[in-house]
Amino acid sequence: MAFQLTIPKMACSACANKIIKAIQSIDPNATVQTEPKLKLVSVATKVSEVTIRQALVTIGYPAI
């Protein structure tokens, strides 16, 4: 499953790295691409979007 999320609080590459690590801790095989300037995260994973969104809320980067 592939989807794109908007993360308003993602402001820099350090934020992006934290988001990538959180997603890959749930699914180590997930493909994650981030664009901090556009505040976008593209995810290809076998895990549900709901699970990914919950993980992002937990680390302080909720998606809209």
Foldseek 3Di string as FASTA:
>chain_A
DKDKWAFVPQADVVSVVVLVVLVCVVPVPKDWDDDNVRRMIIIDGPDDPVVSQVSCVVVPGHTD
